[in-house]
């Protein structure tokens, strides 16, 4: 049955359901999905496969398969309009080397990325993400960022963010940069004390003393 995977045209005009049936029959005959088979399946058809099938694909096959570029296999419009919950879970297998532009697009489509997938993303891509983008990526899994705060990738990302922005996440992440526009309270207090002392030295007198000066002035006039 290996002839099923000889040409890409075998899958181009098939629905995801039909593609899944063919792959299932192929596997039931004792075959496995290598790099060439995965390339033939290609595109969103990969997301139609059962999670157990995807988990059974060898790592070397995943690395050698040209079609497993996440942006090609799972375009943003497919994720937004067609992907099921199971497909959203299974496609994250392919995100390890995803480029920053694609990851930023994912942050706007409510995917609730698995925390282990997030940590496994390209480090340079993670460091380029803003606080709001990470919040959008993780979605309902955002609280787990606190759980994994001691991992290298999370620590490095946190250190690049303003603490004031991290505080907006509401998960008690610390270690961010101090906002340069924040003025320490002690400076304001010292300035207030200095201004008060200066004003007194320029001729501000207690009320009783002013009253005595007034009486003295009246007595002289008499």
N, C-alpha and C. Protein backbone atom coordinates (compact mmCIF):
# COMPACT_ATOMS: atom_id res chain seq x y z
N UNK A 1 0.82 -1.21 0.00
CA UNK A 1 0.00 0.00 0.00
C UNK A 1 0.85 1.26 0.00
N UNK A 2 2.16 1.12 -0.11
CA UNK A 2 3.00 2.30 -0.09
C UNK A 2 2.77 3.20 -1.29
N UNK A 3 2.11 2.67 -2.33
CA UNK A 3 1.82 3.50 -3.49
C UNK A 3 0.94 4.69 -3.15
N UNK A 4 0.21 4.60 -2.05
CA UNK A 4 -0.67 5.70 -1.65
C UNK A 4 0.11 6.98 -1.39
N UNK A 5 1.40 6.85 -1.07
CA UNK A 5 2.19 7.99 -0.68
C UNK A 5 3.24 8.36 -1.73
N UNK A 6 3.12 7.79 -2.92
CA UNK A 6 4.12 8.07 -3.94
C UNK A 6 4.00 9.48 -4.52
N UNK A 7 2.78 10.01 -4.57
CA UNK A 7 2.56 11.32 -5.18
C UNK A 7 1.74 12.20 -4.26
N UNK A 8 2.10 13.50 -4.20
CA UNK A 8 1.33 14.44 -3.40
C UNK A 8 -0.10 14.55 -3.88
N UNK A 9 -0.32 14.31 -5.18
CA UNK A 9 -1.66 14.45 -5.74
C UNK A 9 -2.64 13.51 -5.06
N UNK A 10 -2.12 12.45 -4.40
CA UNK A 10 -2.98 11.50 -3.69
C UNK A 10 -3.77 12.18 -2.59
N UNK A 11 -3.24 13.29 -2.05
CA UNK A 11 -3.89 13.96 -0.93
C UNK A 11 -4.42 15.35 -1.26
N UNK A 12 -4.00 15.92 -2.35
CA UNK A 12 -4.36 17.30 -2.65
C UNK A 12 -5.87 17.50 -2.71
N UNK A 13 -6.58 16.52 -3.31
CA UNK A 13 -8.02 16.70 -3.51
C UNK A 13 -8.86 15.91 -2.52
N UNK A 14 -8.24 15.47 -1.44
CA UNK A 14 -8.96 14.71 -0.43
C UNK A 14 -9.37 15.60 0.73
N UNK A 15 -10.49 15.26 1.35
CA UNK A 15 -10.87 15.94 2.59
C UNK A 15 -10.01 15.40 3.71
N UNK A 16 -10.04 16.10 4.83
CA UNK A 16 -9.26 15.64 5.97
C UNK A 16 -9.74 14.26 6.45
N UNK A 17 -11.03 14.03 6.37
CA UNK A 17 -11.57 12.74 6.78
C UNK A 17 -11.04 11.63 5.88
N UNK A 18 -11.05 11.86 4.56
CA UNK A 18 -10.55 10.86 3.62
C UNK A 18 -9.06 10.60 3.83
N UNK A 19 -8.31 11.69 4.08
CA UNK A 19 -6.87 11.54 4.32
C UNK A 19 -6.63 10.70 5.57
N UNK A 20 -7.44 10.94 6.59
CA UNK A 20 -7.29 10.19 7.85
C UNK A 20 -7.58 8.71 7.63
N UNK A 21 -8.60 8.39 6.82
CA UNK A 21 -8.95 7.00 6.55
C UNK A 21 -7.80 6.28 5.83
N UNK A 22 -7.22 6.97 4.84
CA UNK A 22 -6.12 6.37 4.08
C UNK A 22 -4.92 6.10 4.98
N UNK A 23 -4.58 7.08 5.81
CA UNK A 23 -3.42 6.92 6.70
C UNK A 23 -3.68 5.79 7.70
N UNK A 24 -4.89 5.71 8.22
CA UNK A 24 -5.23 4.67 9.18
C UNK A 24 -5.07 3.29 8.56
N UNK A 25 -5.54 3.12 7.31
CA UNK A 25 -5.41 1.83 6.62
C UNK A 25 -3.94 1.51 6.36
N UNK A 26 -3.19 2.56 6.02
CA UNK A 26 -1.76 2.39 5.76
C UNK A 26 -1.04 1.88 7.00
N UNK A 27 -1.38 2.46 8.15
CA UNK A 27 -0.73 2.07 9.40
C UNK A 27 -1.19 0.69 9.87
N UNK A 28 -2.47 0.36 9.62
CA UNK A 28 -3.00 -0.93 10.06
C UNK A 28 -2.36 -2.10 9.32
N UNK A 29 -1.73 -1.81 8.17
CA UNK A 29 -1.05 -2.85 7.39
C UNK A 29 0.38 -3.07 7.89
N UNK A 30 0.74 -2.40 8.98
CA UNK A 30 2.06 -2.59 9.56
C UNK A 30 3.09 -1.59 9.09
N UNK A 31 2.66 -0.58 8.36
CA UNK A 31 3.58 0.45 7.88
C UNK A 31 3.76 1.54 8.93
N UNK A 32 4.73 2.40 8.73
CA UNK A 32 4.96 3.54 9.62
C UNK A 32 5.10 4.80 8.79
N UNK A 33 4.94 5.93 9.45
CA UNK A 33 5.03 7.21 8.76
C UNK A 33 6.44 7.76 8.87
N UNK A 34 7.18 7.67 7.78
CA UNK A 34 8.50 8.25 7.72
C UNK A 34 8.44 9.65 7.14
N UNK A 35 9.60 10.24 6.89
CA UNK A 35 9.66 11.61 6.39
C UNK A 35 8.96 11.76 5.05
N UNK A 36 9.17 10.82 4.13
CA UNK A 36 8.57 10.93 2.79
C UNK A 36 7.05 10.84 2.85
N UNK A 37 6.54 9.95 3.73
CA UNK A 37 5.09 9.83 3.88
C UNK A 37 4.49 11.10 4.46
N UNK A 38 5.17 11.67 5.45
CA UNK A 38 4.67 12.90 6.06
C UNK A 38 4.68 14.04 5.05
N UNK A 39 5.69 14.09 4.21
CA UNK A 39 5.74 15.11 3.17
C UNK A 39 4.59 14.97 2.20
N UNK A 40 4.21 13.72 1.89
CA UNK A 40 3.10 13.48 0.96
C UNK A 40 1.76 13.87 1.58
N UNK A 41 1.60 13.59 2.86
CA UNK A 41 0.35 13.97 3.53
C UNK A 41 0.22 15.48 3.60
N UNK A 42 1.24 16.12 4.14
CA UNK A 42 1.36 17.57 4.14
C UNK A 42 0.18 18.34 4.72
N UNK A 43 0.35 19.65 4.76
CA UNK A 43 -0.70 20.60 5.10
C UNK A 43 -1.55 20.26 6.30
N UNK A 44 -2.75 20.83 6.36
CA UNK A 44 -3.64 20.61 7.50
C UNK A 44 -4.08 19.17 7.68
N UNK A 45 -3.84 18.30 6.66
CA UNK A 45 -4.18 16.89 6.84
C UNK A 45 -3.45 16.28 8.03
N UNK A 46 -2.28 16.81 8.33
CA UNK A 46 -1.53 16.31 9.49
C UNK A 46 -2.33 16.51 10.77
N UNK A 47 -3.01 17.63 10.85
CA UNK A 47 -3.79 17.93 12.05
C UNK A 47 -5.01 17.05 12.19
N UNK A 48 -5.41 16.37 11.12
CA UNK A 48 -6.58 15.51 11.17
C UNK A 48 -6.26 14.15 11.78
N UNK A 49 -4.97 13.83 11.89
CA UNK A 49 -4.59 12.54 12.43
C UNK A 49 -4.82 12.49 13.93
N UNK A 50 -5.09 11.29 14.42
CA UNK A 50 -5.29 11.12 15.86
C UNK A 50 -4.01 11.46 16.61
N UNK A 51 -4.17 11.96 17.84
CA UNK A 51 -3.02 12.33 18.64
C UNK A 51 -2.09 11.14 18.88
N UNK A 52 -2.68 9.95 19.03
CA UNK A 52 -1.86 8.76 19.25
C UNK A 52 -0.97 8.46 18.04
N UNK A 53 -1.47 8.75 16.85
CA UNK A 53 -0.68 8.55 15.63
C UNK A 53 0.48 9.54 15.58
N UNK A 54 0.18 10.80 15.88
CA UNK A 54 1.22 11.84 15.85
C UNK A 54 2.30 11.56 16.89
N UNK A 55 1.90 11.09 18.05
CA UNK A 55 2.87 10.81 19.11
C UNK A 55 3.76 9.62 18.76
N UNK A 56 3.27 8.76 17.84
CA UNK A 56 4.04 7.59 17.46
C UNK A 56 5.04 7.84 16.34
N UNK A 57 5.05 9.06 15.79
CA UNK A 57 5.98 9.37 14.71
C UNK A 57 7.37 9.58 15.30
N UNK A 58 8.37 8.95 14.71
CA UNK A 58 9.73 9.05 15.22
C UNK A 58 10.27 10.47 15.09
N UNK A 59 11.12 10.87 16.01
CA UNK A 59 11.70 12.21 15.99
C UNK A 59 12.51 12.47 14.72
N UNK A 60 13.23 11.44 14.25
CA UNK A 60 14.03 11.65 13.05
C UNK A 60 13.15 11.90 11.83
N UNK A 61 11.96 11.30 11.83
CA UNK A 61 11.02 11.54 10.73
C UNK A 61 10.50 12.97 10.78
N UNK A 62 10.21 13.43 11.98
CA UNK A 62 9.73 14.80 12.15
C UNK A 62 10.79 15.80 11.70
N UNK A 63 12.04 15.54 12.02
CA UNK A 63 13.12 16.46 11.69
C UNK A 63 13.40 16.49 10.19
N UNK A 64 13.24 15.33 9.53
CA UNK A 64 13.59 15.24 8.11
C UNK A 64 12.45 15.61 7.17
N UNK A 65 11.24 15.72 7.70
CA UNK A 65 10.07 15.97 6.84
C UNK A 65 9.96 17.45 6.49
N UNK A 66 10.03 17.75 5.20
CA UNK A 66 9.97 19.15 4.75
C UNK A 66 8.61 19.78 5.03
N UNK A 67 7.58 18.98 4.98
CA UNK A 67 6.22 19.52 5.08
C UNK A 67 5.82 19.89 6.49
N UNK A 68 6.67 19.61 7.47
CA UNK A 68 6.26 19.85 8.84
C UNK A 68 6.62 21.22 9.36
N UNK A 69 6.80 22.16 8.47
CA UNK A 69 6.90 23.56 8.87
C UNK A 69 5.53 23.95 9.40
N UNK A 70 5.47 24.37 10.65
CA UNK A 70 4.17 24.66 11.29
C UNK A 70 3.35 25.66 10.50
N UNK A 71 4.01 26.67 9.93
CA UNK A 71 3.29 27.71 9.22
C UNK A 71 2.65 27.18 7.95
N UNK A 72 3.26 26.14 7.37
CA UNK A 72 2.71 25.55 6.15
C UNK A 72 1.65 24.52 6.49
N UNK A 73 1.98 23.65 7.46
CA UNK A 73 1.05 22.58 7.82
C UNK A 73 -0.19 23.10 8.52
N UNK A 74 -0.05 24.18 9.29
CA UNK A 74 -1.18 24.73 10.05
C UNK A 74 -1.25 26.24 9.86
N UNK A 75 -1.69 26.71 8.69
CA UNK A 75 -1.79 28.15 8.46
C UNK A 75 -2.77 28.78 9.44
N UNK A 76 -2.56 30.06 9.72
CA UNK A 76 -3.36 30.75 10.73
C UNK A 76 -4.85 30.70 10.41
N UNK A 77 -5.22 30.84 9.13
CA UNK A 77 -6.65 30.84 8.80
C UNK A 77 -7.29 29.48 9.09
N UNK A 78 -6.50 28.39 8.97
CA UNK A 78 -7.01 27.06 9.31
C UNK A 78 -7.24 26.95 10.81
N UNK A 79 -6.30 27.45 11.59
CA UNK A 79 -6.42 27.39 13.05
C UNK A 79 -7.63 28.20 13.51
N UNK A 80 -7.86 29.34 12.87
CA UNK A 80 -8.96 30.22 13.26
C UNK A 80 -10.33 29.64 12.91
N UNK A 81 -10.43 28.97 11.77
CA UNK A 81 -11.75 28.62 11.25
C UNK A 81 -12.08 27.13 11.24
N UNK A 82 -11.07 26.27 11.19
CA UNK A 82 -11.35 24.85 10.97
C UNK A 82 -10.87 23.92 12.08
N UNK A 83 -9.84 24.31 12.77
CA UNK A 83 -9.19 23.38 13.70
C UNK A 83 -10.09 23.02 14.86
N UNK A 84 -10.10 21.73 15.20
CA UNK A 84 -10.82 21.26 16.38
C UNK A 84 -9.91 21.37 17.60
N UNK A 85 -10.48 21.12 18.77
CA UNK A 85 -9.68 21.19 20.00
C UNK A 85 -8.55 20.17 19.96
N UNK A 86 -8.83 18.95 19.46
CA UNK A 86 -7.79 17.92 19.37
C UNK A 86 -6.70 18.32 18.39
N UNK A 87 -7.08 18.96 17.30
CA UNK A 87 -6.09 19.39 16.32
C UNK A 87 -5.21 20.49 16.88
N UNK A 88 -5.80 21.39 17.66
CA UNK A 88 -5.02 22.45 18.29
C UNK A 88 -3.99 21.88 19.26
N UNK A 89 -4.34 20.75 19.87
CA UNK A 89 -3.40 20.09 20.76
C UNK A 89 -2.31 19.38 19.98
N UNK A 90 -2.69 18.65 18.94
CA UNK A 90 -1.72 17.84 18.20
C UNK A 90 -0.75 18.68 17.38
N UNK A 91 -1.19 19.79 16.80
CA UNK A 91 -0.31 20.55 15.92
C UNK A 91 0.85 21.20 16.69
N UNK A 92 0.68 21.37 18.01
CA UNK A 92 1.73 22.01 18.78
C UNK A 92 3.02 21.18 18.79
N UNK A 93 2.92 19.91 18.36
CA UNK A 93 4.11 19.06 18.23
C UNK A 93 5.13 19.68 17.29
N UNK A 94 4.65 20.50 16.33
CA UNK A 94 5.52 20.99 15.26
C UNK A 94 6.02 22.42 15.47
N UNK A 95 5.79 22.99 16.65
CA UNK A 95 6.08 24.41 16.83
C UNK A 95 7.48 24.73 17.31
N UNK A 96 8.28 23.73 17.61
CA UNK A 96 9.60 23.98 18.18
C UNK A 96 10.45 24.99 17.44
N UNK A 97 10.46 24.91 16.12
CA UNK A 97 11.30 25.82 15.34
C UNK A 97 10.53 26.94 14.66
N UNK A 98 9.30 27.18 15.10
CA UNK A 98 8.47 28.21 14.45
C UNK A 98 9.11 29.59 14.55
N UNK A 99 8.95 30.37 13.49
CA UNK A 99 9.54 31.71 13.45
C UNK A 99 8.68 32.70 14.24
N UNK A 100 9.29 33.83 14.60
CA UNK A 100 8.64 34.79 15.49
C UNK A 100 7.35 35.37 14.90
N UNK A 101 7.32 35.62 13.60
CA UNK A 101 6.11 36.20 13.00
C UNK A 101 4.92 35.25 13.13
N UNK A 102 5.18 33.95 12.97
CA UNK A 102 4.10 32.96 13.09
C UNK A 102 3.64 32.86 14.54
N UNK A 103 4.59 32.86 15.47
CA UNK A 103 4.24 32.77 16.89
C UNK A 103 3.40 33.98 17.31
N UNK A 104 3.77 35.16 16.82
CA UNK A 104 2.99 36.36 17.14
C UNK A 104 1.57 36.26 16.59
N UNK A 105 1.44 35.65 15.42
CA UNK A 105 0.10 35.45 14.86
C UNK A 105 -0.71 34.51 15.73
N UNK A 106 -0.06 33.48 16.27
CA UNK A 106 -0.76 32.53 17.13
C UNK A 106 -1.27 33.20 18.41
N UNK A 107 -0.56 34.22 18.87
CA UNK A 107 -0.97 34.89 20.12
C UNK A 107 -2.30 35.61 19.97
N UNK A 108 -2.76 35.76 18.72
CA UNK A 108 -4.03 36.48 18.50
C UNK A 108 -5.20 35.55 18.17
N UNK A 109 -4.98 34.23 18.25
CA UNK A 109 -6.07 33.32 17.86
C UNK A 109 -6.52 32.39 18.99
N UNK A 110 -6.16 32.71 20.23
CA UNK A 110 -6.70 32.01 21.39
C UNK A 110 -6.45 30.50 21.35
N UNK A 111 -5.17 30.10 21.32
CA UNK A 111 -4.86 28.67 21.23
C UNK A 111 -4.56 28.03 22.58
N UNK A 112 -4.34 28.83 23.63
CA UNK A 112 -3.97 28.30 24.96
C UNK A 112 -2.82 27.30 24.82
N UNK A 113 -1.68 27.79 24.41
CA UNK A 113 -0.51 26.94 24.16
C UNK A 113 -0.10 26.18 25.42
N UNK A 114 0.24 24.92 25.22
CA UNK A 114 0.75 24.09 26.31
C UNK A 114 2.04 24.71 26.84
N UNK A 115 2.22 24.73 28.15
CA UNK A 115 3.39 25.39 28.75
C UNK A 115 4.69 24.72 28.32
N UNK A 116 4.68 23.41 28.14
CA UNK A 116 5.89 22.72 27.69
C UNK A 116 6.22 23.06 26.25
N UNK A 117 5.19 23.29 25.44
CA UNK A 117 5.41 23.74 24.07
C UNK A 117 6.03 25.13 24.08
N UNK A 118 5.52 26.00 24.96
CA UNK A 118 6.05 27.36 25.06
C UNK A 118 7.52 27.34 25.44
N UNK A 119 7.87 26.55 26.43
CA UNK A 119 9.26 26.47 26.88
C UNK A 119 10.16 25.88 25.80
N UNK A 120 9.58 25.03 24.94
CA UNK A 120 10.34 24.39 23.88
C UNK A 120 10.49 25.21 22.62
N UNK A 121 9.86 26.40 22.57
CA UNK A 121 10.00 27.27 21.40
C UNK A 121 11.43 27.77 21.28
N UNK A 122 11.78 28.22 20.09
CA UNK A 122 13.10 28.80 19.88
C UNK A 122 13.33 29.92 20.89
N UNK A 123 14.44 29.87 21.61
CA UNK A 123 14.70 30.82 22.69
C UNK A 123 14.68 32.26 22.21
N UNK A 124 15.28 32.51 21.04
CA UNK A 124 15.33 33.88 20.51
C UNK A 124 13.92 34.40 20.22
N UNK A 125 13.05 33.51 19.77
CA UNK A 125 11.67 33.92 19.48
C UNK A 125 10.94 34.27 20.76
N UNK A 126 11.13 33.48 21.81
CA UNK A 126 10.47 33.75 23.10
C UNK A 126 10.91 35.09 23.65
N UNK A 127 12.21 35.38 23.58
CA UNK A 127 12.74 36.62 24.15
C UNK A 127 12.21 37.84 23.41
N UNK A 128 11.75 37.66 22.17
CA UNK A 128 11.24 38.78 21.38
C UNK A 128 9.76 39.05 21.64
N UNK A 129 9.11 38.22 22.42
CA UNK A 129 7.68 38.37 22.67
C UNK A 129 7.41 39.38 23.78
N UNK A 130 6.34 40.15 23.62
CA UNK A 130 5.93 41.09 24.65
C UNK A 130 5.10 40.37 25.71
N UNK A 131 4.81 41.05 26.80
CA UNK A 131 4.00 40.47 27.86
C UNK A 131 2.59 40.14 27.35
N UNK A 132 2.01 41.04 26.58
CA UNK A 132 0.66 40.79 26.06
C UNK A 132 0.64 39.62 25.07
N UNK A 133 1.71 39.45 24.30
CA UNK A 133 1.78 38.35 23.35
C UNK A 133 1.91 37.00 24.06
N UNK A 134 2.69 36.95 25.10
CA UNK A 134 2.81 35.71 25.88
C UNK A 134 1.48 35.39 26.55
N UNK A 135 0.81 36.40 27.04
CA UNK A 135 -0.50 36.20 27.66
C UNK A 135 -1.49 35.63 26.63
N UNK A 136 -1.43 36.16 25.41
CA UNK A 136 -2.31 35.67 24.35
C UNK A 136 -1.98 34.25 23.94
N UNK A 137 -0.70 33.90 23.92
CA UNK A 137 -0.29 32.55 23.54
C UNK A 137 -0.75 31.51 24.56
N UNK A 138 -0.51 31.79 25.82
CA UNK A 138 -0.79 30.80 26.86
C UNK A 138 -2.26 30.73 27.24
N UNK A 139 -2.97 31.84 27.12
CA UNK A 139 -4.40 31.83 27.39
C UNK A 139 -4.73 31.25 28.75
N UNK A 140 -5.53 30.18 28.76
CA UNK A 140 -5.95 29.57 30.03
C UNK A 140 -4.81 28.89 30.77
N UNK A 141 -3.65 28.75 30.12
CA UNK A 141 -2.49 28.14 30.77
C UNK A 141 -1.52 29.19 31.34
N UNK A 142 -1.93 30.44 31.35
CA UNK A 142 -1.04 31.51 31.79
C UNK A 142 -0.52 31.30 33.20
N UNK A 143 -1.35 30.79 34.10
CA UNK A 143 -0.92 30.61 35.49
C UNK A 143 0.29 29.67 35.61
N UNK A 144 0.45 28.78 34.63
CA UNK A 144 1.57 27.84 34.68
C UNK A 144 2.91 28.53 34.44
N UNK A 145 2.85 29.76 33.92
CA UNK A 145 4.09 30.51 33.73
C UNK A 145 4.76 30.75 35.07
N UNK A 146 3.95 30.96 36.11
CA UNK A 146 4.48 31.13 37.46
C UNK A 146 5.10 29.83 37.96
N UNK A 147 4.47 28.71 37.66
CA UNK A 147 4.98 27.41 38.08
C UNK A 147 6.35 27.13 37.47
N UNK A 148 6.55 27.60 36.23
CA UNK A 148 7.81 27.33 35.52
C UNK A 148 8.73 28.55 35.50
N UNK A 149 8.57 29.44 36.46
CA UNK A 149 9.33 30.69 36.45
C UNK A 149 10.83 30.48 36.65
N UNK A 150 11.24 29.33 37.17
CA UNK A 150 12.67 29.09 37.40
C UNK A 150 13.36 28.41 36.23
N UNK A 151 12.63 28.12 35.16
CA UNK A 151 13.28 27.57 33.97
C UNK A 151 14.05 28.69 33.27
N UNK A 152 15.09 28.31 32.58
CA UNK A 152 15.97 29.31 31.96
C UNK A 152 15.23 30.21 30.98
N UNK A 153 14.40 29.63 30.14
CA UNK A 153 13.73 30.43 29.10
C UNK A 153 12.78 31.45 29.73
N UNK A 154 12.08 31.06 30.80
CA UNK A 154 11.15 31.98 31.46
C UNK A 154 11.92 33.06 32.22
N UNK A 155 12.97 32.67 32.92
CA UNK A 155 13.78 33.65 33.65
C UNK A 155 14.36 34.70 32.71
N UNK A 156 14.89 34.25 31.58
CA UNK A 156 15.48 35.19 30.62
C UNK A 156 14.42 36.13 30.05
N UNK A 157 13.24 35.58 29.78
CA UNK A 157 12.17 36.42 29.24
C UNK A 157 11.71 37.45 30.27
N UNK A 158 11.51 37.01 31.50
CA UNK A 158 11.05 37.90 32.57
C UNK A 158 12.03 39.06 32.76
N UNK A 159 13.32 38.78 32.73
CA UNK A 159 14.34 39.81 32.98
C UNK A 159 14.34 40.91 31.93
N UNK A 160 13.73 40.64 30.78
CA UNK A 160 13.69 41.63 29.70
C UNK A 160 12.42 42.49 29.73
N UNK A 161 11.47 42.13 30.59
CA UNK A 161 10.19 42.84 30.64
C UNK A 161 10.16 43.86 31.77
N UNK A 162 9.36 44.91 31.59
CA UNK A 162 9.14 45.86 32.68
C UNK A 162 8.31 45.19 33.77
N UNK A 163 8.70 45.38 35.01
CA UNK A 163 7.96 44.78 36.11
C UNK A 163 6.52 45.28 36.14
N UNK A 164 6.32 46.53 35.76
CA UNK A 164 4.97 47.08 35.74
C UNK A 164 4.07 46.34 34.76
N UNK A 165 4.66 45.83 33.64
CA UNK A 165 3.89 45.06 32.67
C UNK A 165 3.63 43.64 33.19
N UNK A 166 4.63 43.05 33.83
CA UNK A 166 4.46 41.72 34.40
C UNK A 166 3.38 41.70 35.47
N UNK A 167 3.29 42.79 36.22
CA UNK A 167 2.29 42.89 37.28
C UNK A 167 0.87 42.80 36.72
N UNK A 168 0.70 43.23 35.48
CA UNK A 168 -0.63 43.21 34.86
C UNK A 168 -1.13 41.78 34.61
N UNK A 169 -0.22 40.81 34.59
CA UNK A 169 -0.61 39.42 34.38
C UNK A 169 -1.34 38.86 35.61
N UNK A 170 -1.05 39.42 36.77
CA UNK A 170 -1.72 38.99 38.00
C UNK A 170 -1.32 37.62 38.50
N UNK A 171 -0.09 37.18 38.18
CA UNK A 171 0.36 35.86 38.63
C UNK A 171 1.62 35.95 39.49
N UNK A 172 1.92 37.15 39.98
CA UNK A 172 3.04 37.38 40.91
C UNK A 172 4.41 37.04 40.33
N UNK A 173 4.60 37.29 39.05
CA UNK A 173 5.93 37.12 38.46
C UNK A 173 6.81 38.29 38.85
N UNK A 174 8.02 38.03 39.32
CA UNK A 174 8.94 39.09 39.70
C UNK A 174 10.27 38.90 38.99
N UNK A 175 11.09 39.96 39.01
CA UNK A 175 12.40 39.89 38.37
C UNK A 175 12.51 40.73 37.13
N UNK A 176 11.45 41.49 36.83
CA UNK A 176 11.46 42.34 35.65
C UNK A 176 12.23 43.63 35.87
N UNK A 177 12.38 44.42 34.80
CA UNK A 177 13.11 45.67 34.87
C UNK A 177 12.26 46.75 35.54
N UNK A 178 12.93 47.64 36.27
CA UNK A 178 12.25 48.76 36.91
C UNK A 178 12.01 49.84 35.87
N UNK A 179 10.80 50.39 35.86
CA UNK A 179 10.45 51.45 34.93
C UNK A 179 11.29 52.68 35.24
N UNK A 180 12.02 53.20 34.25
CA UNK A 180 12.91 54.35 34.46
C UNK A 180 12.16 55.62 34.79
N UNK A 181 10.85 55.66 34.53
CA UNK A 181 10.05 56.86 34.82
C UNK A 181 9.53 56.90 36.25
N UNK A 182 9.78 55.81 37.00
CA UNK A 182 9.33 55.75 38.39
C UNK A 182 10.29 56.50 39.30
N UNK A 183 9.79 57.50 40.06
CA UNK A 183 10.62 58.29 40.97
C UNK A 183 10.48 57.75 42.38
N UNK A 184 11.59 57.42 43.04
CA UNK A 184 11.51 56.89 44.41
C UNK A 184 10.81 57.85 45.35
N UNK A 185 10.02 57.31 46.27
CA UNK A 185 9.25 58.12 47.22
C UNK A 185 10.16 58.92 48.14
N UNK A 186 11.33 58.40 48.47
CA UNK A 186 12.23 59.10 49.40
C UNK A 186 12.68 60.43 48.82
N UNK A 187 12.82 60.51 47.51
CA UNK A 187 13.24 61.75 46.88
C UNK A 187 12.19 62.83 47.05
N UNK A 188 10.92 62.45 46.88
CA UNK A 188 9.83 63.41 47.04
C UNK A 188 9.75 63.91 48.47
N UNK A 189 9.95 63.00 49.44
CA UNK A 189 9.88 63.37 50.85
C UNK A 189 10.98 64.36 51.20
N UNK A 190 12.19 64.07 50.72
CA UNK A 190 13.31 64.95 51.01
C UNK A 190 13.09 66.33 50.40
N UNK A 191 12.51 66.36 49.21
CA UNK A 191 12.25 67.64 48.54
C UNK A 191 11.24 68.45 49.32
N UNK A 192 10.21 67.77 49.85
CA UNK A 192 9.17 68.46 50.63
C UNK A 192 9.76 69.08 51.89
N UNK A 193 10.61 68.31 52.60
CA UNK A 193 11.24 68.82 53.82
C UNK A 193 12.12 70.02 53.51
N UNK A 194 12.87 69.93 52.41
CA UNK A 194 13.77 71.02 52.03
C UNK A 194 12.99 72.29 51.71
N UNK A 195 11.86 72.13 50.98
CA UNK A 195 11.05 73.29 50.61
C UNK A 195 10.43 73.94 51.83
N UNK A 196 10.01 73.12 52.81
CA UNK A 196 9.40 73.65 54.02
C UNK A 196 10.41 74.46 54.83
N UNK A 197 11.62 73.93 54.96
CA UNK A 197 12.68 74.62 55.69
C UNK A 197 13.05 75.93 55.03
N UNK A 198 13.11 75.91 53.70
CA UNK A 198 13.49 77.11 52.95
C UNK A 198 12.47 78.22 53.10
N UNK A 199 11.18 77.85 53.08
CA UNK A 199 10.13 78.85 53.19
C UNK A 199 10.14 79.51 54.56
N UNK A 200 10.47 78.72 55.60
CA UNK A 200 10.52 79.29 56.94
C UNK A 200 11.69 80.26 57.08
N UNK A 201 12.80 79.91 56.41
CA UNK A 201 13.98 80.77 56.53
C UNK A 201 13.81 82.09 55.78
N UNK A 202 12.80 82.14 54.88
CA UNK A 202 12.60 83.37 54.11
C UNK A 202 11.62 84.33 54.81
N UNK A 203 11.23 84.06 56.08
CA UNK A 203 10.42 85.05 56.79
C UNK A 203 9.05 84.59 57.19
N UNK A 204 8.81 83.32 57.25
CA UNK A 204 7.53 82.83 57.73
C UNK A 204 7.60 82.70 59.24
N UNK A 205 6.76 83.49 59.98
CA UNK A 205 6.84 83.55 61.44
C UNK A 205 5.58 82.97 62.06
N UNK A 206 5.69 82.46 63.30
CA UNK A 206 4.53 81.92 64.01
C UNK A 206 3.50 83.01 64.27
N UNK A 207 2.21 82.65 64.32
CA UNK A 207 1.11 83.61 64.51
C UNK A 207 1.22 84.43 65.80
N UNK A 208 1.60 83.86 66.95
CA UNK A 208 1.69 84.66 68.18
C UNK A 208 2.71 85.79 68.06
N UNK A 209 3.81 85.53 67.38
CA UNK A 209 4.82 86.55 67.23
C UNK A 209 4.32 87.70 66.36
N UNK A 210 3.56 87.38 65.33
CA UNK A 210 2.98 88.42 64.49
C UNK A 210 2.00 89.28 65.28
N UNK A 211 1.26 88.67 66.20
CA UNK A 211 0.31 89.40 67.03
C UNK A 211 1.02 90.40 67.93
N UNK A 212 2.15 90.01 68.50
CA UNK A 212 2.93 90.90 69.36
C UNK A 212 3.47 92.07 68.57
N UNK A 213 3.94 91.79 67.33
CA UNK A 213 4.41 92.89 66.47
C UNK A 213 3.30 93.89 66.19
N UNK A 214 2.06 93.41 66.07
CA UNK A 214 0.92 94.28 65.80
C UNK A 214 0.62 95.18 66.96
N UNK A 215 0.64 94.64 68.19
CA UNK A 215 0.38 95.44 69.38
C UNK A 215 1.45 96.51 69.57
N UNK A 216 2.71 96.16 69.33
CA UNK A 216 3.82 97.10 69.44
C UNK A 216 3.68 98.24 68.47
N UNK A 217 3.22 97.92 67.27
CA UNK A 217 3.04 98.96 66.25
C UNK A 217 1.94 99.94 66.66
N UNK A 218 0.84 99.42 67.24
CA UNK A 218 -0.28 100.28 67.69
C UNK A 218 0.17 101.17 68.83
N UNK A 219 0.96 100.66 69.78
CA UNK A 219 1.43 101.44 70.95
C UNK A 219 2.32 102.60 70.47
N UNK A 220 3.16 102.35 69.50
CA UNK A 220 4.03 103.41 68.99
C UNK A 220 3.24 104.52 68.34
N UNK A 221 2.17 104.15 67.63
CA UNK A 221 1.34 105.13 66.94
C UNK A 221 0.61 106.04 67.93
N UNK A 222 0.34 105.51 69.15
CA UNK A 222 -0.36 106.31 70.14
C UNK A 222 0.61 107.31 70.77
